[in-house]
Each structure stands twice: as structure tokens, then as C-alpha cells.
């Protein structure tokens, strides 16, 4: 039992669990065999990091025994050593590699920033504490709760207005993702002129035409490549299980399959141009 709430037993248990996880991770592969570096990194972030950050908002702000620091240097050193060992397993680096270099090479957030991020997420879920300090509390120098300690750390970094949260619109892809360039003309005549111009300007590209449609209560999709003289088609089912819109998307998927197969045969094209209605 941690009767004095020093969290030493908790940190020791974290060290034991994460060490077992890293040992298991090292048996899955190395720098030249087994699972890839990306997969090992994903396993580490999905298993070891939650083990390391368990109850982080409490133990990382137990500052009544650390001279008003959020956590002891010994705790930070233990966690850094655990992540450094995992990073060496993931990347196959030498033992002499520095901890900051390992974090950079394996694209892992340093432990200090990981703790801060966990605390910010916690405060975002529960909200900041109400500011109701009395003169008696100030006179007695009442110790801050973990919630108030997190709030104070964020205020020192971000400023006094911590209730103003960044709004991130949910989307299916990351914010930095760049989609394919698309052209949508206003009418059929302009689309035909644009198509003829592209055919003349891009002779080295691969040109693929797609369509999805329904007939007789059934939905299908097709893609035709005039560059490689290749055709692909797919049956989507009847109109009770699929739609023409899904058929259009399936046609684009077939076009991408044709482009990938063309590239796998060693052909180097300047662009992949897909025409769809």
C-alpha cells in the first residue's frame, strides 16, 4: 500500500509492466527480421504508452513532496529509460544512442511532452476548476489538487485564458493530407473541351474512364484504360444492397487498381488521369 501517496509503488509497477511489454516487443523482430519498424512502433504506442501513462494526471501532479515540482527527476529518468529501451528495440539502434535522438528517429513524443499532453487531455475532459480561493486558503497555503496543478501548468505555458479550446473539425483524413486534383466543369460542352485539351497536353499520362450505373435492378461498375487497353468491371449487387453512387466509387477504385498494376509492371507515367461522371 502507498500509505504516504508518494507514488513510488505505482511507478515501480509501471516499470515492471512496461519492461515486460518491451521484452515481448523485442521477440517480435529486430532491425533486419520480424515485424517492421512501423508495426513495432504502433504496438509500443498502443500497449506500452497507455501502461506508462496510467493515472498520469494523478501521479505526475503529486507535488507536495517534490518541492512544488510536478514529479521527481527519478520518476522521469525511469520513464525515459523505458522509452529509450523500447526505441532501441524498434529502430535497432546502439545502446550509446542518446534519448532525444531515439525519440526523433522513432517519431515518438518525449516523455515530458507525453505527460503534459495526457494532462491537457484530462483537463479538456473534466474542465478547469472553479476559481474560488478564500483569504483563509491563501493564508494556510493549501496544497493544490492534481486538477489545479494541471491547470496552473497549462496557464504558465498558454496564458490565463485556458478555457478557450482549439476547435478541430473531425475529418476522415489528417489535416495535412492533400487529395488528388479535381476538375469539375459547368456543362457538357466545357467538359468535352477540357477533356480534349488534356488528351493533347498529357500524352505520357495513363488515361482511365470509369462509370457506375444500374440496369434491370442491378448495379455495376467498370473502368477502361485507353493507354494500356485494359478493362475492369465489378458487380455491386441488386438495388436493394447497393446504389449507383457506390458504383461510381467502385469505378474509381477499379481505375486505381489499373494504375497500380501498370506501375508494378515497370511503366513510369507522368500522371494518372481518371475521367468520371
C-alpha atoms as a PDB file:
ATOM      1  CA  UNK A   1       0.000   0.000   0.000  1.00  0.00           C
ATOM      2  CA  UNK A   2       1.139   3.506  -0.839  1.00  0.00           C
ATOM      3  CA  UNK A   3       0.099   4.915   2.539  1.00  0.00           C
ATOM      4  CA  UNK A   4       2.010   8.186   2.094  1.00  0.00           C
ATOM      5  CA  UNK A   5       0.971   8.759  -1.544  1.00  0.00           C
ATOM      6  CA  UNK A   6       4.499   9.093  -2.844  1.00  0.00           C
ATOM      7  CA  UNK A   7       3.501   7.016  -5.901  1.00  0.00           C
ATOM      8  CA  UNK A   8       6.770   5.101  -5.697  1.00  0.00           C
ATOM      9  CA  UNK A   9       4.990   1.743  -5.731  1.00  0.00           C
ATOM     10  CA  UNK A  10       2.928   2.853  -8.706  1.00  0.00           C
ATOM     11  CA  UNK A  11       6.000   3.907 -10.694  1.00  0.00           C
ATOM     12  CA  UNK A  12       7.699   0.609  -9.831  1.00  0.00           C
ATOM     13  CA  UNK A  13       4.645  -1.284 -11.110  1.00  0.00           C
ATOM     14  CA  UNK A  14       4.696   0.792 -14.305  1.00  0.00           C
ATOM     15  CA  UNK A  15       8.351  -0.093 -14.759  1.00  0.00           C
ATOM     16  CA  UNK A  16       7.621  -3.798 -14.322  1.00  0.00           C
ATOM     17  CA  UNK A  17       4.715  -3.844 -16.790  1.00  0.00           C
ATOM     18  CA  UNK A  18       6.421  -1.744 -19.463  1.00  0.00           C
ATOM     19  CA  UNK A  19       9.604  -3.810 -19.148  1.00  0.00           C
ATOM     20  CA  UNK A  20       7.618  -6.984 -19.830  1.00  0.00           C
ATOM     21  CA  UNK A  21       5.976  -5.296 -22.820  1.00  0.00           C
ATOM     22  CA  UNK A  22       9.330  -4.192 -24.249  1.00  0.00           C
ATOM     23  CA  UNK A  23      10.738  -7.699 -23.754  1.00  0.00           C
ATOM     24  CA  UNK A  24       7.803  -9.122 -25.685  1.00  0.00           C
ATOM     25  CA  UNK A  25       8.281  -6.454 -28.341  1.00  0.00           C
ATOM     26  CA  UNK A  26      11.933  -7.407 -28.787  1.00  0.00           C
ATOM     27  CA  UNK A  27      10.914 -11.009 -29.503  1.00  0.00           C
ATOM     28  CA  UNK A  28       8.690  -9.913 -32.387  1.00  0.00           C
ATOM     29  CA  UNK A  29      11.522  -8.692 -34.557  1.00  0.00           C
ATOM     30  CA  UNK A  30      14.763  -6.817 -34.969  1.00  0.00           C
ATOM     31  CA  UNK A  31      16.282  -4.325 -37.349  1.00  0.00           C
ATOM     32  CA  UNK A  32      16.575  -6.940 -40.125  1.00  0.00           C
ATOM     33  CA  UNK A  33      13.889  -9.531 -39.322  1.00  0.00           C
ATOM     34  CA  UNK A  34      10.353  -9.908 -37.977  1.00  0.00           C
ATOM     35  CA  UNK A  35       7.717  -7.193 -37.956  1.00  0.00           C
ATOM     36  CA  UNK A  36       8.507  -3.818 -39.481  1.00  0.00           C
ATOM     37  CA  UNK A  37       9.577  -0.729 -37.578  1.00  0.00           C
ATOM     38  CA  UNK A  38       6.231   0.939 -38.212  1.00  0.00           C
ATOM     39  CA  UNK A  39       4.324  -2.031 -36.794  1.00  0.00           C
ATOM     40  CA  UNK A  40       6.575  -2.231 -33.719  1.00  0.00           C
ATOM     41  CA  UNK A  41       6.085   1.485 -33.118  1.00  0.00           C
ATOM     42  CA  UNK A  42       2.329   1.038 -33.398  1.00  0.00           C
ATOM     43  CA  UNK A  43       2.412  -1.815 -30.865  1.00  0.00           C
ATOM     44  CA  UNK A  44       4.503   0.257 -28.466  1.00  0.00           C
ATOM     45  CA  UNK A  45       2.166   3.256 -28.684  1.00  0.00           C
ATOM     46  CA  UNK A  46      -0.908   1.055 -28.321  1.00  0.00           C
ATOM     47  CA  UNK A  47       0.315  -1.082 -25.397  1.00  0.00           C
ATOM     48  CA  UNK A  48       3.310   0.379 -23.568  1.00  0.00           C
ATOM     49  CA  UNK A  49       2.380   4.072 -23.656  1.00  0.00           C
ATOM     50  CA  UNK A  50      -1.064   3.515 -22.032  1.00  0.00           C
ATOM     51  CA  UNK A  51       0.664   1.412 -19.366  1.00  0.00           C
ATOM     52  CA  UNK A  52       3.162   4.203 -18.780  1.00  0.00           C
ATOM     53  CA  UNK A  53       0.550   6.968 -18.677  1.00  0.00           C
ATOM     54  CA  UNK A  54      -1.956   5.125 -16.465  1.00  0.00           C
ATOM     55  CA  UNK A  55      -3.184   7.526 -13.727  1.00  0.00           C
ATOM     56  CA  UNK A  56      -0.689  10.070 -15.049  1.00  0.00           C
ATOM     57  CA  UNK A  57      -2.897  13.036 -14.164  1.00  0.00           C
ATOM     58  CA  UNK A  58      -2.649  11.998 -10.504  1.00  0.00           C
ATOM     59  CA  UNK A  59       0.933  10.819 -10.007  1.00  0.00           C
ATOM     60  CA  UNK A  60       2.501  13.476 -12.212  1.00  0.00           C
ATOM     61  CA  UNK A  61       0.955  16.234 -10.100  1.00  0.00           C
ATOM     62  CA  UNK A  62       1.562  14.879  -6.591  1.00  0.00           C
ATOM     63  CA  UNK A  63       3.723  17.895  -5.848  1.00  0.00           C
ATOM     64  CA  UNK A  64       3.522  18.046  -2.057  1.00  0.00           C
ATOM     65  CA  UNK A  65       6.722  16.002  -1.682  1.00  0.00           C
ATOM     66  CA  UNK A  66       8.704  17.229  -4.699  1.00  0.00           C
ATOM     67  CA  UNK A  67       9.222  20.881  -3.714  1.00  0.00           C
ATOM     68  CA  UNK A  68       6.387  22.093  -5.907  1.00  0.00           C
ATOM     69  CA  UNK A  69       7.669  20.216  -8.939  1.00  0.00           C
ATOM     70  CA  UNK A  70       5.118  18.081 -10.825  1.00  0.00           C
ATOM     71  CA  UNK A  71       7.143  14.870 -10.417  1.00  0.00           C
ATOM     72  CA  UNK A  72      10.603  13.796  -9.309  1.00  0.00           C
ATOM     73  CA  UNK A  73      13.625  13.562 -11.558  1.00  0.00           C
ATOM     74  CA  UNK A  74      13.905   9.902 -10.569  1.00  0.00           C
ATOM     75  CA  UNK A  75      10.420   9.198 -11.946  1.00  0.00           C
ATOM     76  CA  UNK A  76      11.216  10.999 -15.198  1.00  0.00           C
ATOM     77  CA  UNK A  77      14.521   9.161 -15.527  1.00  0.00           C
ATOM     78  CA  UNK A  78      12.805   5.778 -15.125  1.00  0.00           C
ATOM     79  CA  UNK A  79      10.203   6.536 -17.771  1.00  0.00           C
ATOM     80  CA  UNK A  80      12.794   7.947 -20.164  1.00  0.00           C
ATOM     81  CA  UNK A  81      14.888   4.816 -19.768  1.00  0.00           C
ATOM     82  CA  UNK A  82      11.874   2.634 -20.553  1.00  0.00           C
ATOM     83  CA  UNK A  83      11.057   4.575 -23.711  1.00  0.00           C
ATOM     84  CA  UNK A  84      14.726   4.652 -24.742  1.00  0.00           C
ATOM     85  CA  UNK A  85      14.943   0.880 -24.442  1.00  0.00           C
ATOM     86  CA  UNK A  86      11.777   0.482 -26.495  1.00  0.00           C
ATOM     87  CA  UNK A  87      13.142   2.914 -29.094  1.00  0.00           C
ATOM     88  CA  UNK A  88      16.331   0.864 -29.426  1.00  0.00           C
ATOM     89  CA  UNK A  89      14.253  -2.256 -29.963  1.00  0.00           C
ATOM     90  CA  UNK A  90      12.073  -0.521 -32.548  1.00  0.00           C
ATOM     91  CA  UNK A  91      14.889   1.111 -34.513  1.00  0.00           C
ATOM     92  CA  UNK A  92      17.734  -1.348 -33.913  1.00  0.00           C
ATOM     93  CA  UNK A  93      19.934   1.487 -32.607  1.00  0.00           C
ATOM     94  CA  UNK A  94      23.022   1.051 -30.455  1.00  0.00           C
ATOM     95  CA  UNK A  95      22.880   1.398 -26.681  1.00  0.00           C
ATOM     96  CA  UNK A  96      25.021   4.526 -26.866  1.00  0.00           C
ATOM     97  CA  UNK A  97      22.377   6.402 -28.869  1.00  0.00           C
ATOM     98  CA  UNK A  98      21.041   9.426 -26.998  1.00  0.00           C
ATOM     99  CA  UNK A  99      17.441   9.552 -25.786  1.00  0.00           C
ATOM    100  CA  UNK A 100      16.492  12.678 -27.819  1.00  0.00           C
ATOM    101  CA  UNK A 101      17.948  11.097 -30.971  1.00  0.00           C
ATOM    102  CA  UNK A 102      15.973   7.901 -30.374  1.00  0.00           C
ATOM    103  CA  UNK A 103      12.751   9.883 -29.953  1.00  0.00           C
ATOM    104  CA  UNK A 104      13.390  11.675 -33.247  1.00  0.00           C
ATOM    105  CA  UNK A 105      14.321   8.559 -35.220  1.00  0.00           C
ATOM    106  CA  UNK A 106      11.316   6.576 -33.983  1.00  0.00           C
ATOM    107  CA  UNK A 107       8.853   9.507 -34.177  1.00  0.00           C
ATOM    108  CA  UNK A 108       7.930   9.172 -30.500  1.00  0.00           C
ATOM    109  CA  UNK A 109       6.813  12.039 -28.312  1.00  0.00           C
ATOM    110  CA  UNK A 110       9.340  12.648 -25.487  1.00  0.00           C
ATOM    111  CA  UNK A 111       8.159  11.527 -22.071  1.00  0.00           C
ATOM    112  CA  UNK A 112       7.879  15.067 -20.680  1.00  0.00           C
ATOM    113  CA  UNK A 113       5.645  16.152 -23.572  1.00  0.00           C
ATOM    114  CA  UNK A 114       3.696  12.891 -23.337  1.00  0.00           C
ATOM    115  CA  UNK A 115       2.914  13.617 -19.677  1.00  0.00           C
ATOM    116  CA  UNK A 116       1.911  17.198 -20.484  1.00  0.00           C
ATOM    117  CA  UNK A 117      -0.301  16.047 -23.365  1.00  0.00           C
ATOM    118  CA  UNK A 118      -2.008  13.497 -21.113  1.00  0.00           C
ATOM    119  CA  UNK A 119      -2.674  16.184 -18.504  1.00  0.00           C
ATOM    120  CA  UNK A 120      -4.063  18.585 -21.110  1.00  0.00           C
ATOM    121  CA  UNK A 121      -6.380  15.873 -22.424  1.00  0.00           C
ATOM    122  CA  UNK A 122      -7.532  15.152 -18.875  1.00  0.00           C
ATOM    123  CA  UNK A 123      -8.312  18.790 -18.180  1.00  0.00           C
ATOM    124  CA  UNK A 124     -10.106  19.008 -21.522  1.00  0.00           C
ATOM    125  CA  UNK A 125     -12.391  16.170 -20.462  1.00  0.00           C
ATOM    126  CA  UNK A 126     -13.196  17.310 -16.918  1.00  0.00           C
ATOM    127  CA  UNK A 127     -12.843  21.071 -17.448  1.00  0.00           C
ATOM    128  CA  UNK A 128     -10.846  23.586 -15.401  1.00  0.00           C
ATOM    129  CA  UNK A 129     -11.561  24.023 -11.713  1.00  0.00           C
ATOM    130  CA  UNK A 130     -13.641  26.904 -10.438  1.00  0.00           C
ATOM    131  CA  UNK A 131     -11.596  29.832  -9.113  1.00  0.00           C
ATOM    132  CA  UNK A 132     -12.834  30.229  -5.527  1.00  0.00           C
ATOM    133  CA  UNK A 133      -9.816  30.984  -3.390  1.00  0.00           C
ATOM    134  CA  UNK A 134     -10.531  32.498   0.006  1.00  0.00           C
ATOM    135  CA  UNK A 135      -8.132  34.520   2.148  1.00  0.00           C
ATOM    136  CA  UNK A 136      -8.032  31.671   4.670  1.00  0.00           C
ATOM    137  CA  UNK A 137      -6.881  29.205   1.994  1.00  0.00           C
ATOM    138  CA  UNK A 138      -4.188  31.604   0.831  1.00  0.00           C
ATOM    139  CA  UNK A 139      -3.054  32.141   4.424  1.00  0.00           C
ATOM    140  CA  UNK A 140      -2.807  28.416   5.125  1.00  0.00           C
ATOM    141  CA  UNK A 141      -1.027  27.854   1.787  1.00  0.00           C
ATOM    142  CA  UNK A 142      -3.339  24.996   0.943  1.00  0.00           C
ATOM    143  CA  UNK A 143      -1.785  22.385  -1.343  1.00  0.00           C
ATOM    144  CA  UNK A 144      -3.073  22.225  -4.912  1.00  0.00           C
ATOM    145  CA  UNK A 145      -5.027  19.217  -6.107  1.00  0.00           C
ATOM    146  CA  UNK A 146      -3.773  17.437  -9.281  1.00  0.00           C
ATOM    147  CA  UNK A 147      -6.538  19.170 -11.210  1.00  0.00           C
ATOM    148  CA  UNK A 148      -5.400  22.616 -10.071  1.00  0.00           C
ATOM    149  CA  UNK A 149      -1.763  21.660 -10.640  1.00  0.00           C
ATOM    150  CA  UNK A 150      -2.527  20.735 -14.265  1.00  0.00           C
ATOM    151  CA  UNK A 151      -4.449  23.969 -14.725  1.00  0.00           C
ATOM    152  CA  UNK A 152      -1.551  26.002 -13.318  1.00  0.00           C
ATOM    153  CA  UNK A 153       0.958  24.270 -15.604  1.00  0.00           C
ATOM    154  CA  UNK A 154      -1.170  24.989 -18.660  1.00  0.00           C
ATOM    155  CA  UNK A 155      -1.693  28.597 -17.567  1.00  0.00           C
ATOM    156  CA  UNK A 156       2.060  29.069 -17.211  1.00  0.00           C
ATOM    157  CA  UNK A 157       2.530  27.787 -20.758  1.00  0.00           C
ATOM    158  CA  UNK A 158      -0.542  29.045 -22.599  1.00  0.00           C
ATOM    159  CA  UNK A 159      -1.651  32.097 -20.669  1.00  0.00           C
ATOM    160  CA  UNK A 160      -4.621  32.952 -18.477  1.00  0.00           C
ATOM    161  CA  UNK A 161      -7.371  32.045 -20.961  1.00  0.00           C
ATOM    162  CA  UNK A 162      -7.241  28.247 -20.722  1.00  0.00           C
ATOM    163  CA  UNK A 163     -10.986  27.827 -21.211  1.00  0.00           C
ATOM    164  CA  UNK A 164     -10.625  28.762 -24.879  1.00  0.00           C
ATOM    165  CA  UNK A 165     -10.067  25.408 -26.552  1.00  0.00           C
ATOM    166  CA  UNK A 166      -8.780  24.831 -30.057  1.00  0.00           C
ATOM    167  CA  UNK A 167     -11.555  23.620 -32.349  1.00  0.00           C
ATOM    168  CA  UNK A 168     -10.504  20.766 -34.624  1.00  0.00           C
ATOM    169  CA  UNK A 169     -13.132  19.686 -37.100  1.00  0.00           C
ATOM    170  CA  UNK A 170     -13.368  15.866 -37.307  1.00  0.00           C
ATOM    171  CA  UNK A 171     -12.445  14.507 -40.692  1.00  0.00           C
ATOM    172  CA  UNK A 172     -11.656  11.161 -42.254  1.00  0.00           C
ATOM    173  CA  UNK A 173      -8.034  12.095 -43.067  1.00  0.00           C
ATOM    174  CA  UNK A 174      -5.316  14.085 -41.213  1.00  0.00           C
ATOM    175  CA  UNK A 175      -5.366  17.898 -41.644  1.00  0.00           C
ATOM    176  CA  UNK A 176      -2.118  17.842 -43.634  1.00  0.00           C
ATOM    177  CA  UNK A 177      -3.426  15.311 -46.178  1.00  0.00           C
ATOM    178  CA  UNK A 178      -3.576  16.560 -49.766  1.00  0.00           C
ATOM    179  CA  UNK A 179      -6.152  14.956 -52.012  1.00  0.00           C
ATOM    180  CA  UNK A 180      -5.984  14.475 -55.768  1.00  0.00           C
ATOM    181  CA  UNK A 181      -6.505  17.467 -58.014  1.00  0.00           C
ATOM    182  CA  UNK A 182     -10.034  17.512 -59.418  1.00  0.00           C
ATOM    183  CA  UNK A 183     -11.701  19.419 -62.246  1.00  0.00           C
ATOM    184  CA  UNK A 184     -15.496  19.794 -62.499  1.00  0.00           C
ATOM    185  CA  UNK A 185     -16.770  21.752 -65.474  1.00  0.00           C
ATOM    186  CA  UNK A 186     -20.063  23.619 -65.507  1.00  0.00           C
ATOM    187  CA  UNK A 187     -21.611  21.834 -68.502  1.00  0.00           C
ATOM    188  CA  UNK A 188     -21.060  19.061 -71.021  1.00  0.00           C
ATOM    189  CA  UNK A 189     -19.570  21.311 -73.697  1.00  0.00           C
ATOM    190  CA  UNK A 190     -16.908  22.735 -71.401  1.00  0.00           C
ATOM    191  CA  UNK A 191     -16.134  19.246 -70.080  1.00  0.00           C
ATOM    192  CA  UNK A 192     -15.586  17.964 -73.620  1.00  0.00           C
ATOM    193  CA  UNK A 193     -13.269  20.867 -74.483  1.00  0.00           C
ATOM    194  CA  UNK A 194     -11.298  20.301 -71.252  1.00  0.00           C
ATOM    195  CA  UNK A 195     -11.041  16.583 -71.991  1.00  0.00           C
ATOM    196  CA  UNK A 196      -9.653  17.121 -75.490  1.00  0.00           C
ATOM    197  CA  UNK A 197      -7.155  19.641 -74.182  1.00  0.00           C
ATOM    198  CA  UNK A 198      -5.901  17.222 -71.507  1.00  0.00           C
ATOM    199  CA  UNK A 199      -5.535  14.424 -74.064  1.00  0.00           C
ATOM    200  CA  UNK A 200      -3.280  16.668 -76.155  1.00  0.00           C
ATOM    201  CA  UNK A 201      -1.286  18.105 -73.235  1.00  0.00           C
ATOM    202  CA  UNK A 202      -0.686  14.810 -71.375  1.00  0.00           C
ATOM    203  CA  UNK A 203       0.424  12.165 -73.901  1.00  0.00           C
ATOM    204  CA  UNK A 204       2.631  10.389 -71.314  1.00  0.00           C
ATOM    205  CA  UNK A 205      -0.117  10.001 -68.715  1.00  0.00           C
ATOM    206  CA  UNK A 206      -2.352   6.990 -68.196  1.00  0.00           C
ATOM    207  CA  UNK A 207      -5.968   7.802 -69.098  1.00  0.00           C
ATOM    208  CA  UNK A 208      -8.762   5.826 -67.442  1.00  0.00           C
ATOM    209  CA  UNK A 209     -12.535   6.192 -67.857  1.00  0.00           C
ATOM    210  CA  UNK A 210     -14.930   4.982 -65.143  1.00  0.00           C
ATOM    211  CA  UNK A 211     -18.669   4.621 -64.734  1.00  0.00           C
ATOM    212  CA  UNK A 212     -21.144   3.155 -62.305  1.00  0.00           C
ATOM    213  CA  UNK A 213     -24.737   2.556 -63.298  1.00  0.00           C
ATOM    214  CA  UNK A 214     -27.818   0.457 -62.724  1.00  0.00           C
ATOM    215  CA  UNK A 215     -29.942  -1.504 -65.137  1.00  0.00           C
ATOM    216  CA  UNK A 216     -32.719  -4.022 -64.571  1.00  0.00           C
ATOM    217  CA  UNK A 217     -32.480  -3.546 -60.798  1.00  0.00           C
ATOM    218  CA  UNK A 218     -28.768  -4.394 -60.700  1.00  0.00           C
ATOM    219  CA  UNK A 219     -25.753  -2.152 -60.022  1.00  0.00           C
ATOM    220  CA  UNK A 220     -22.353  -2.445 -61.681  1.00  0.00           C
ATOM    221  CA  UNK A 221     -19.123  -0.512 -62.183  1.00  0.00           C
ATOM    222  CA  UNK A 222     -16.399  -0.513 -64.822  1.00  0.00           C
ATOM    223  CA  UNK A 223     -13.086   1.146 -65.674  1.00  0.00           C
ATOM    224  CA  UNK A 224     -11.473   1.305 -69.115  1.00  0.00           C
ATOM    225  CA  UNK A 225      -7.880   2.370 -69.693  1.00  0.00           C
ATOM    226  CA  UNK A 226      -7.223   3.567 -73.246  1.00  0.00           C
ATOM    227  CA  UNK A 227      -3.490   3.756 -72.577  1.00  0.00           C
ATOM    228  CA  UNK A 228      -2.984   0.090 -71.676  1.00  0.00           C
ATOM    229  CA  UNK A 229      -6.108  -1.233 -73.418  1.00  0.00           C
ATOM    230  CA  UNK A 230      -7.257  -2.771 -70.139  1.00  0.00           C
ATOM    231  CA  UNK A 231     -10.756  -3.140 -68.717  1.00  0.00           C
ATOM    232  CA  UNK A 232     -12.033  -3.977 -65.248  1.00  0.00           C
ATOM    233  CA  UNK A 233     -15.596  -4.432 -64.078  1.00  0.00           C
ATOM    234  CA  UNK A 234     -17.396  -5.279 -60.843  1.00  0.00           C
ATOM    235  CA  UNK A 235     -20.907  -6.407 -59.973  1.00  0.00           C
ATOM    236  CA  UNK A 236     -22.231  -4.498 -56.942  1.00  0.00           C
ATOM    237  CA  UNK A 237     -25.464  -6.459 -56.358  1.00  0.00           C
ATOM    238  CA  UNK A 238     -29.104  -5.509 -56.799  1.00  0.00           C
ATOM    239  CA  UNK A 239     -30.539  -2.111 -55.981  1.00  0.00           C
ATOM    240  CA  UNK A 240     -31.604  -3.257 -52.502  1.00  0.00           C
ATOM    241  CA  UNK A 241     -27.991  -3.767 -51.386  1.00  0.00           C
ATOM    242  CA  UNK A 242     -26.127  -1.132 -53.420  1.00  0.00           C
ATOM    243  CA  UNK A 243     -26.568   2.214 -55.150  1.00  0.00           C
ATOM    244  CA  UNK A 244     -25.345   3.924 -58.279  1.00  0.00           C
ATOM    245  CA  UNK A 245     -23.250   6.246 -56.107  1.00  0.00           C
ATOM    246  CA  UNK A 246     -21.418   3.244 -54.669  1.00  0.00           C
ATOM    247  CA  UNK A 247     -20.942   2.021 -58.221  1.00  0.00           C
ATOM    248  CA  UNK A 248     -19.280   5.309 -59.170  1.00  0.00           C
ATOM    249  CA  UNK A 249     -16.858   4.993 -56.261  1.00  0.00           C
ATOM    250  CA  UNK A 250     -16.167   1.374 -57.169  1.00  0.00           C
ATOM    251  CA  UNK A 251     -15.332   2.511 -60.703  1.00  0.00           C
ATOM    252  CA  UNK A 252     -12.715   4.921 -59.333  1.00  0.00           C
ATOM    253  CA  UNK A 253     -11.332   2.101 -57.187  1.00  0.00           C
ATOM    254  CA  UNK A 254     -11.013  -0.097 -60.282  1.00  0.00           C
ATOM    255  CA  UNK A 255      -9.206   2.750 -62.062  1.00  0.00           C
ATOM    256  CA  UNK A 256      -6.689   2.978 -59.227  1.00  0.00           C
ATOM    257  CA  UNK A 257      -6.143  -0.785 -59.422  1.00  0.00           C
ATOM    258  CA  UNK A 258      -5.347  -0.459 -63.135  1.00  0.00           C
ATOM    259  CA  UNK A 259      -2.893   2.360 -62.390  1.00  0.00           C
ATOM    260  CA  UNK A 260      -1.164   0.356 -59.648  1.00  0.00           C
ATOM    261  CA  UNK A 261      -0.850  -2.721 -61.835  1.00  0.00           C
ATOM    262  CA  UNK A 262       0.572  -0.580 -64.645  1.00  0.00           C
ATOM    263  CA  UNK A 263       3.181   0.816 -62.264  1.00  0.00           C
ATOM    264  CA  UNK A 264       4.034  -2.639 -60.922  1.00  0.00           C
ATOM    265  CA  UNK A 265       4.887  -3.699 -64.486  1.00  0.00           C
ATOM    266  CA  UNK A 266       7.631  -1.081 -64.501  1.00  0.00           C
ATOM    267  CA  UNK A 267       5.870   1.611 -66.512  1.00  0.00           C
ATOM    268  CA  UNK A 268       6.642   5.174 -65.492  1.00  0.00           C
ATOM    269  CA  UNK A 269       3.804   7.589 -66.216  1.00  0.00           C
ATOM    270  CA  UNK A 270       3.765  11.322 -65.700  1.00  0.00           C
ATOM    271  CA  UNK A 271       0.232  11.321 -64.246  1.00  0.00           C
ATOM    272  CA  UNK A 272      -2.848   9.197 -63.641  1.00  0.00           C
ATOM    273  CA  UNK A 273      -5.893  10.868 -65.150  1.00  0.00           C
ATOM    274  CA  UNK A 274      -9.305   9.425 -64.230  1.00  0.00           C
ATOM    275  CA  UNK A 275     -12.430  10.601 -66.037  1.00  0.00           C
ATOM    276  CA  UNK A 276     -15.758  10.010 -64.307  1.00  0.00           C
ATOM    277  CA  UNK A 277     -19.256  11.389 -64.456  1.00  0.00           C
END
